[in-house]
C-alpha atoms as a PDB file:
ATOM      1  CA  MET A   1     110.955  97.400  98.204  1.00  0.00           C
ATOM      2  CA  GLU A   2     107.511  97.599  96.914  1.00  0.00           C
ATOM      3  CA  VAL A   3     106.794 100.190  94.257  1.00  0.00           C
ATOM      4  CA  THR A   4     102.982 100.989  93.122  1.00  0.00           C
ATOM      5  CA  PHE A   5     102.204 103.273  90.142  1.00  0.00           C
ATOM      6  CA  LEU A   6      99.252 105.459  90.833  1.00  0.00           C
ATOM      7  CA  GLY A   7      99.620 107.396  87.569  1.00  0.00           C
ATOM      8  CA  THR A   8     101.812 106.583  84.393  1.00  0.00           C
ATOM      9  CA  GLY A   9     100.720 108.906  81.795  1.00  0.00           C
ATOM     10  CA  ALA A  10     102.215 112.048  80.340  1.00  0.00           C
ATOM     11  CA  ALA A  11     100.349 115.207  80.853  1.00  0.00           C
ATOM     12  CA  PHE A  12      97.742 114.756  78.201  1.00  0.00           C
ATOM     13  CA  ALA A  13      97.866 110.986  77.742  1.00  0.00           C
ATOM     14  CA  PRO A  14      94.420 109.722  77.010  1.00  0.00           C
ATOM     15  CA  HIS A  15      95.111 106.177  78.610  1.00  0.00           C
ATOM     16  CA  ALA A  16      96.474 106.817  81.976  1.00  0.00           C
ATOM     17  CA  TYR A  17      96.557 109.128  84.837  1.00  0.00           C
ATOM     18  CA  ASN A  18      99.113 111.753  85.733  1.00  0.00           C
ATOM     19  CA  SER A  19     102.371 110.874  87.417  1.00  0.00           C
ATOM     20  CA  SER A  20     102.544 109.376  90.967  1.00  0.00           C
ATOM     21  CA  ILE A  21     104.513 106.522  92.477  1.00  0.00           C
ATOM     22  CA  LEU A  22     104.483 105.048  95.815  1.00  0.00           C
ATOM     23  CA  VAL A  23     107.207 103.430  97.487  1.00  0.00           C
ATOM     24  CA  ASP A  24     106.666 101.072 100.445  1.00  0.00           C
ATOM     25  CA  ARG A  25     103.341 102.812 101.089  1.00  0.00           C
ATOM     26  CA  LYS A  26     105.365 105.546 102.729  1.00  0.00           C
ATOM     27  CA  ILE A  27     107.115 107.623 100.038  1.00  0.00           C
ATOM     28  CA  LEU A  28     105.287 109.297  97.076  1.00  0.00           C
ATOM     29  CA  MET A  29     107.314 110.273  94.022  1.00  0.00           C
ATOM     30  CA  ASP A  30     105.276 113.163  92.711  1.00  0.00           C
ATOM     31  CA  ALA A  31     101.634 113.870  92.998  1.00  0.00           C
ATOM     32  CA  GLY A  32      99.864 114.319  89.857  1.00  0.00           C
ATOM     33  CA  ALA A  33      97.204 111.617  90.194  1.00  0.00           C
ATOM     34  CA  PRO A  34      93.857 112.209  92.084  1.00  0.00           C
ATOM     35  CA  LEU A  35      95.486 110.566  95.423  1.00  0.00           C
ATOM     36  CA  THR A  36      92.260 110.793  97.401  1.00  0.00           C
ATOM     37  CA  VAL A  37      90.848 108.176  94.986  1.00  0.00           C
ATOM     38  CA  HIS A  38      93.892 106.113  93.923  1.00  0.00           C
ATOM     39  CA  LEU A  39      95.605 105.681  97.189  1.00  0.00           C
ATOM     40  CA  PRO A  40      92.517 103.922  98.709  1.00  0.00           C
ATOM     41  CA  ARG A  41      91.990 101.900  95.556  1.00  0.00           C
ATOM     42  CA  ALA A  42      95.552 100.731  96.045  1.00  0.00           C
ATOM     43  CA  GLY A  43      94.598  99.700  99.527  1.00  0.00           C
ATOM     44  CA  VAL A  44      96.552 102.722 101.177  1.00  0.00           C
ATOM     45  CA  ALA A  45      94.984 105.046 103.615  1.00  0.00           C
ATOM     46  CA  LEU A  46      95.412 108.765 102.886  1.00  0.00           C
ATOM     47  CA  ASP A  47      97.686 109.148 106.093  1.00  0.00           C
ATOM     48  CA  GLU A  48      99.874 106.299 105.406  1.00  0.00           C
ATOM     49  CA  PRO A  49     102.487 108.321 103.302  1.00  0.00           C
ATOM     50  CA  ARG A  50     105.083 110.043 105.445  1.00  0.00           C
ATOM     51  CA  ALA A  51     106.847 111.896 102.449  1.00  0.00           C
ATOM     52  CA  VAL A  52     106.467 113.394  99.051  1.00  0.00           C
ATOM     53  CA  MET A  53     109.373 113.823  96.636  1.00  0.00           C
ATOM     54  CA  VAL A  54     108.482 116.626  94.169  1.00  0.00           C
ATOM     55  CA  SER A  55     110.397 116.602  90.883  1.00  0.00           C
ATOM     56  CA  HIS A  56     109.101 119.935  89.551  1.00  0.00           C
ATOM     57  CA  PHE A  57     106.162 122.315  89.605  1.00  0.00           C
ATOM     58  CA  HIS A  58     104.140 121.397  86.627  1.00  0.00           C
ATOM     59  CA  ALA A  59     100.409 120.434  87.281  1.00  0.00           C
ATOM     60  CA  ASP A  60     100.560 116.826  86.191  1.00  0.00           C
ATOM     61  CA  HIS A  61     103.187 116.218  88.919  1.00  0.00           C
ATOM     62  CA  THR A  62     101.729 118.300  91.775  1.00  0.00           C
ATOM     63  CA  PHE A  63      98.194 119.197  91.630  1.00  0.00           C
ATOM     64  CA  GLY A  64      97.146 115.963  93.558  1.00  0.00           C
ATOM     65  CA  LEU A  65      98.990 117.340  96.615  1.00  0.00           C
ATOM     66  CA  ALA A  66      96.134 119.771  97.289  1.00  0.00           C
ATOM     67  CA  TRP A  67      93.840 116.936  97.819  1.00  0.00           C
ATOM     68  CA  LEU A  68      96.173 114.762  99.565  1.00  0.00           C
ATOM     69  CA  ILE A  69      97.170 117.504 102.160  1.00  0.00           C
ATOM     70  CA  LEU A  70      93.693 118.964 103.073  1.00  0.00           C
ATOM     71  CA  GLY A  71      92.173 115.458 102.883  1.00  0.00           C
ATOM     72  CA  ARG A  72      94.586 114.182 105.517  1.00  0.00           C
ATOM     73  CA  ALA A  73      93.776 117.266 107.699  1.00  0.00           C
ATOM     74  CA  LEU A  74      90.163 116.797 107.508  1.00  0.00           C
ATOM     75  CA  LEU A  75      89.657 113.125 107.666  1.00  0.00           C
ATOM     76  CA  ASN A  76      91.941 112.580 110.807  1.00  0.00           C
ATOM     77  CA  ASP A  77      92.864 115.320 113.186  1.00  0.00           C
ATOM     78  CA  GLN A  78      95.447 113.035 114.482  1.00  0.00           C
ATOM     79  CA  THR A  79      96.996 112.579 111.234  1.00  0.00           C
ATOM     80  CA  PRO A  80     100.810 111.915 111.067  1.00  0.00           C
ATOM     81  CA  SER A  81     103.207 114.639 109.979  1.00  0.00           C
ATOM     82  CA  LEU A  82     104.102 114.851 106.268  1.00  0.00           C
ATOM     83  CA  SER A  83     107.408 115.825 104.705  1.00  0.00           C
ATOM     84  CA  VAL A  84     107.932 117.215 101.221  1.00  0.00           C
ATOM     85  CA  TYR A  85     111.137 117.447  99.448  1.00  0.00           C
ATOM     86  CA  GLY A  86     111.629 119.394  96.250  1.00  0.00           C
ATOM     87  CA  PRO A  87     113.435 121.945  94.284  1.00  0.00           C
ATOM     88  CA  ARG A  88     114.016 125.510  95.445  1.00  0.00           C
ATOM     89  CA  GLY A  89     110.909 127.258  95.642  1.00  0.00           C
ATOM     90  CA  THR A  90     108.841 124.289  96.919  1.00  0.00           C
ATOM     91  CA  THR A  91     107.534 126.171 100.115  1.00  0.00           C
ATOM     92  CA  SER A  92     106.205 129.087  98.110  1.00  0.00           C
ATOM     93  CA  TYR A  93     104.669 126.832  95.465  1.00  0.00           C
ATOM     94  CA  LEU A  94     102.828 124.749  98.069  1.00  0.00           C
ATOM     95  CA  GLU A  95     101.477 127.944  99.668  1.00  0.00           C
ATOM     96  CA  ARG A  96     100.332 129.093  96.477  1.00  0.00           C
ATOM     97  CA  LEU A  97      98.811 125.826  95.212  1.00  0.00           C
ATOM     98  CA  LEU A  98      96.823 125.352  98.549  1.00  0.00           C
ATOM     99  CA  ASP A  99      95.747 128.998  98.721  1.00  0.00           C
ATOM    100  CA  LEU A 100      94.445 128.596  95.032  1.00  0.00           C
ATOM    101  CA  ALA A 101      92.660 125.243  95.816  1.00  0.00           C
ATOM    102  CA  TRP A 102      91.230 125.842  99.233  1.00  0.00           C
ATOM    103  CA  GLY A 103      91.931 129.301 100.446  1.00  0.00           C
ATOM    104  CA  GLU A 104      94.397 130.679 102.992  1.00  0.00           C
ATOM    105  CA  GLU A 105      92.360 129.611 106.096  1.00  0.00           C
ATOM    106  CA  MET A 106      92.403 125.917 105.037  1.00  0.00           C
ATOM    107  CA  ARG A 107      95.956 126.062 103.899  1.00  0.00           C
ATOM    108  CA  ARG A 108      96.982 127.508 107.381  1.00  0.00           C
ATOM    109  CA  MET A 109      94.975 124.766 109.059  1.00  0.00           C
ATOM    110  CA  SER A 110      96.112 121.957 107.254  1.00  0.00           C
ATOM    111  CA  TRP A 111      99.978 123.072 107.212  1.00  0.00           C
ATOM    112  CA  GLU A 112      99.729 123.284 111.024  1.00  0.00           C
ATOM    113  CA  ARG A 113      97.663 119.969 111.636  1.00  0.00           C
ATOM    114  CA  LEU A 114      99.984 118.004 109.301  1.00  0.00           C
ATOM    115  CA  GLN A 115     103.153 119.651 110.807  1.00  0.00           C
ATOM    116  CA  LEU A 116     104.098 120.035 107.400  1.00  0.00           C
ATOM    117  CA  LYS A 117     107.979 120.074 106.787  1.00  0.00           C
ATOM    118  CA  VAL A 118     109.470 121.163 103.442  1.00  0.00           C
ATOM    119  CA  GLN A 119     113.102 120.647 102.514  1.00  0.00           C
ATOM    120  CA  GLU A 120     114.236 122.348  99.455  1.00  0.00           C
ATOM    121  CA  LEU A 121     117.118 120.657  97.418  1.00  0.00           C
ATOM    122  CA  ALA A 122     119.499 121.609  94.824  1.00  0.00           C
ATOM    123  CA  ASP A 123     121.798 119.265  92.392  1.00  0.00           C
ATOM    124  CA  GLY A 124     123.929 116.952  94.621  1.00  0.00           C
ATOM    125  CA  ASP A 125     122.150 117.467  97.940  1.00  0.00           C
ATOM    126  CA  THR A 126     121.652 114.470 100.023  1.00  0.00           C
ATOM    127  CA  PHE A 127     118.891 114.018 102.460  1.00  0.00           C
ATOM    128  CA  GLN A 128     117.002 111.375 104.590  1.00  0.00           C
ATOM    129  CA  VAL A 129     113.560 110.281 103.798  1.00  0.00           C
ATOM    130  CA  ASP A 130     111.653 107.800 105.850  1.00  0.00           C
ATOM    131  CA  GLY A 131     114.866 106.453 107.196  1.00  0.00           C
ATOM    132  CA  SER A 132     116.562 106.092 103.715  1.00  0.00           C
ATOM    133  CA  ARG A 133     119.298 108.032 102.071  1.00  0.00           C
ATOM    134  CA  GLY A 134     118.171 110.078  99.080  1.00  0.00           C
ATOM    135  CA  ARG A 135     120.216 112.263  96.593  1.00  0.00           C
ATOM    136  CA  ALA A 136     118.911 115.063  94.121  1.00  0.00           C
ATOM    137  CA  PHE A 137     120.144 115.445  90.657  1.00  0.00           C
ATOM    138  CA  LYS A 138     119.480 118.501  88.621  1.00  0.00           C
ATOM    139  CA  MET A 139     117.295 117.422  85.475  1.00  0.00           C
ATOM    140  CA  GLN A 140     117.175 119.301  82.119  1.00  0.00           C
ATOM    141  CA  HIS A 141     113.558 119.872  81.396  1.00  0.00           C
ATOM    142  CA  ALA A 142     111.808 123.229  81.651  1.00  0.00           C
ATOM    143  CA  SER A 143     114.211 126.287  81.575  1.00  0.00           C
ATOM    144  CA  ARG A 144     112.105 128.351  83.847  1.00  0.00           C
ATOM    145  CA  LEU A 145     111.761 125.893  86.530  1.00  0.00           C
ATOM    146  CA  ALA A 146     114.037 124.127  88.841  1.00  0.00           C
ATOM    147  CA  CYS A 147     113.638 120.311  87.851  1.00  0.00           C
ATOM    148  CA  LEU A 148     115.080 117.345  89.955  1.00  0.00           C
ATOM    149  CA  GLY A 149     115.487 113.687  89.742  1.00  0.00           C
ATOM    150  CA  PHE A 150     116.233 111.564  92.840  1.00  0.00           C
ATOM    151  CA  THR A 151     117.823 108.329  94.028  1.00  0.00           C
ATOM    152  CA  ILE A 152     116.919 106.544  97.297  1.00  0.00           C
ATOM    153  CA  GLU A 153     118.799 103.666  98.935  1.00  0.00           C
ATOM    154  CA  ARG A 154     116.368 101.396 100.694  1.00  0.00           C
ATOM    155  CA  ASP A 155     116.164  97.772 101.477  1.00  0.00           C
ATOM    156  CA  GLY A 156     119.278  96.924  99.267  1.00  0.00           C
ATOM    157  CA  VAL A 157     117.995  98.743  96.197  1.00  0.00           C
ATOM    158  CA  ASN A 158     119.270 101.896  94.700  1.00  0.00           C
ATOM    159  CA  LEU A 159     116.123 103.377  93.063  1.00  0.00           C
ATOM    160  CA  GLY A 160     116.276 106.308  90.602  1.00  0.00           C
ATOM    161  CA  TYR A 161     113.618 108.404  89.527  1.00  0.00           C
ATOM    162  CA  THR A 162     113.914 111.099  86.819  1.00  0.00           C
ATOM    163  CA  GLY A 163     110.661 112.995  86.767  1.00  0.00           C
ATOM    164  CA  ASP A 164     110.613 114.903  83.607  1.00  0.00           C
ATOM    165  CA  ALA A 165     113.853 115.158  81.683  1.00  0.00           C
ATOM    166  CA  GLU A 166     115.841 115.691  78.549  1.00  0.00           C
ATOM    167  CA  MET A 167     119.056 113.796  77.758  1.00  0.00           C
ATOM    168  CA  SER A 168     121.907 115.286  79.876  1.00  0.00           C
ATOM    169  CA  PRO A 169     125.106 114.332  81.760  1.00  0.00           C
ATOM    170  CA  GLN A 170     123.048 114.625  85.019  1.00  0.00           C
ATOM    171  CA  LEU A 171     120.631 112.216  83.805  1.00  0.00           C
ATOM    172  CA  ASP A 172     123.367 109.841  82.921  1.00  0.00           C
ATOM    173  CA  ALA A 173     124.791 110.349  86.446  1.00  0.00           C
ATOM    174  CA  LEU A 174     121.365 109.557  88.016  1.00  0.00           C
ATOM    175  CA  VAL A 175     121.022 106.290  85.856  1.00  0.00           C
ATOM    176  CA  SER A 176     124.634 105.237  86.642  1.00  0.00           C
ATOM    177  CA  ALA A 177     123.827 105.748  90.534  1.00  0.00           C
ATOM    178  CA  SER A 178     120.813 103.310  90.215  1.00  0.00           C
ATOM    179  CA  ASP A 179     120.382  99.560  89.926  1.00  0.00           C
ATOM    180  CA  HIS A 180     116.515 100.274  89.025  1.00  0.00           C
ATOM    181  CA  VAL A 181     115.483 103.490  87.410  1.00  0.00           C
ATOM    182  CA  ILE A 182     111.980 104.781  86.994  1.00  0.00           C
ATOM    183  CA  ILE A 183     112.377 106.844  83.992  1.00  0.00           C
ATOM    184  CA  GLU A 184     109.887 108.851  81.701  1.00  0.00           C
ATOM    185  CA  MET A 185     109.378 108.205  78.035  1.00  0.00           C
ATOM    186  CA  THR A 186     106.817 110.642  76.770  1.00  0.00           C
ATOM    187  CA  TYR A 187     107.562 110.066  73.041  1.00  0.00           C
ATOM    188  CA  ASP A 188     107.207 106.872  71.014  1.00  0.00           C
ATOM    189  CA  ASP A 189     108.797 108.257  67.954  1.00  0.00           C
ATOM    190  CA  GLU A 190     111.863 110.372  67.432  1.00  0.00           C
ATOM    191  CA  GLY A 191     110.617 112.762  70.141  1.00  0.00           C
ATOM    192  CA  GLY A 192     110.927 116.343  70.607  1.00  0.00           C
ATOM    193  CA  GLU A 193     112.031 118.884  73.346  1.00  0.00           C
ATOM    194  CA  LEU A 194     111.645 118.592  77.192  1.00  0.00           C
ATOM    195  CA  HIS A 195     111.004 114.914  77.425  1.00  0.00           C
ATOM    196  CA  LEU A 196     112.680 111.608  76.484  1.00  0.00           C
ATOM    197  CA  ALA A 197     111.809 109.484  73.528  1.00  0.00           C
ATOM    198  CA  ARG A 198     112.062 105.814  72.794  1.00  0.00           C
ATOM    199  CA  LYS A 199     115.463 106.238  70.952  1.00  0.00           C
ATOM    200  CA  ASP A 200     116.806 108.008  74.169  1.00  0.00           C
ATOM    201  CA  ILE A 201     115.740 105.205  76.312  1.00  0.00           C
ATOM    202  CA  GLU A 202     117.422 102.485  74.099  1.00  0.00           C
ATOM    203  CA  ALA A 203     120.549 104.615  74.008  1.00  0.00           C
ATOM    204  CA  LEU A 204     120.414 104.823  77.915  1.00  0.00           C
ATOM    205  CA  MET A 205     119.936 101.163  78.205  1.00  0.00           C
ATOM    206  CA  ALA A 206     122.890 100.403  75.871  1.00  0.00           C
ATOM    207  CA  ARG A 207     125.137 102.689  78.011  1.00  0.00           C
ATOM    208  CA  HIS A 208     123.801 101.215  81.288  1.00  0.00           C
ATOM    209  CA  PRO A 209     123.216  97.344  80.662  1.00  0.00           C
ATOM    210  CA  SER A 210     123.131  96.456  84.364  1.00  0.00           C
ATOM    211  CA  VAL A 211     120.427  98.979  85.237  1.00  0.00           C
ATOM    212  CA  ARG A 212     116.741  97.742  85.215  1.00  0.00           C
ATOM    213  CA  PHE A 213     114.594 100.252  83.495  1.00  0.00           C
ATOM    214  CA  ILE A 214     110.917 100.939  84.399  1.00  0.00           C
ATOM    215  CA  LEU A 215     109.179 103.317  81.911  1.00  0.00           C
ATOM    216  CA  THR A 216     106.490 105.761  83.074  1.00  0.00           C
ATOM    217  CA  HIS A 217     105.112 109.082  82.060  1.00  0.00           C
ATOM    218  CA  ARG A 218     104.156 107.619  78.677  1.00  0.00           C
ATOM    219  CA  GLY A 219     102.493 109.517  75.954  1.00  0.00           C
ATOM    220  CA  GLY A 220     101.734 106.406  74.004  1.00  0.00           C
ATOM    221  CA  GLU A 221     101.461 102.640  74.369  1.00  0.00           C
ATOM    222  CA  SER A 222     104.491 101.233  72.556  1.00  0.00           C
ATOM    223  CA  THR A 223     106.900  98.864  74.362  1.00  0.00           C
ATOM    224  CA  VAL A 224     110.721  98.641  74.650  1.00  0.00           C
ATOM    225  CA  ASN A 225     112.541  95.457  74.658  1.00  0.00           C
ATOM    226  CA  GLY A 226     114.159  94.911  78.068  1.00  0.00           C
ATOM    227  CA  ALA A 227     112.203  97.536  80.090  1.00  0.00           C
ATOM    228  CA  VAL A 228     109.190  97.270  82.226  1.00  0.00           C
ATOM    229  CA  MET A 229     106.395  99.259  80.981  1.00  0.00           C
ATOM    230  CA  ALA A 230     104.661 100.769  83.916  1.00  0.00           C
ATOM    231  CA  ARG A 231     100.742 100.962  83.947  1.00  0.00           C
ATOM    232  CA  ASP A 232      98.289 102.710  86.406  1.00  0.00           C
ATOM    233  CA  PHE A 233      98.071 100.276  89.881  1.00  0.00           C
ATOM    234  CA  LEU A 234     100.961  98.155  88.789  1.00  0.00           C
ATOM    235  CA  THR A 235     102.767  96.938  91.934  1.00  0.00           C
ATOM    236  CA  LEU A 236     106.404  95.589  91.661  1.00  0.00           C
ATOM    237  CA  GLN A 237     108.622  94.086  94.146  1.00  0.00           C
ATOM    238  CA  LEU A 238     112.178  95.241  93.956  1.00  0.00           C
ATOM    239  CA  PRO A 239     114.778  93.933  93.091  1.00  0.00           C
ATOM    240  CA  LEU A 240     113.396  92.560  89.869  1.00  0.00           C
ATOM    241  CA  ARG A 241     113.994  88.859  89.054  1.00  0.00           C
END
């Protein structure tokens, strides 16, 4: 499995772009980065990704979707279809996002041209994404939003992705279901609300010693022994050796 990080910073991090991760050039996990720039820079055409997995509706995880969707529709009138997987409310959110970004006419045109398919998920739901089995886990993050993490089984790897999260039993379940997990570490210090801190990552690593941890959504630039520190445009081949 090939994993490329198109954005690894927390929402207001000065050293990295917002969250987006590309799996095997086909599956995007969140879309906060400027994808019309970052996909080509990574050697990937705009119409190569077939699916986007949206963890929640905050701007730093989703605003790149507006450029990706209309960019694909305008640059290639034979562009392949695109599937979006996300929490309850994803269809409505995408409609409002595209209307705000480009207007209703452009939204309707791009939705039709991409044959956009949206699958809304809840905790425990399973789904198929580009031929791989996925599962949704409810994450504790923003109380007014439905927030999900995901696992996908692909090429012998069980990859977890937390999106944004606080410590919770569901987070532990997601990590336990993974052999590699891409997990946020917003805080270098003792931390605060809504996100994970260094101490939380160290506690999770102690509880799940067989899981390989890859840290993203970083608000600072500290490191954690035994974890991979993601950076923009880093590409990893999983399983890690």
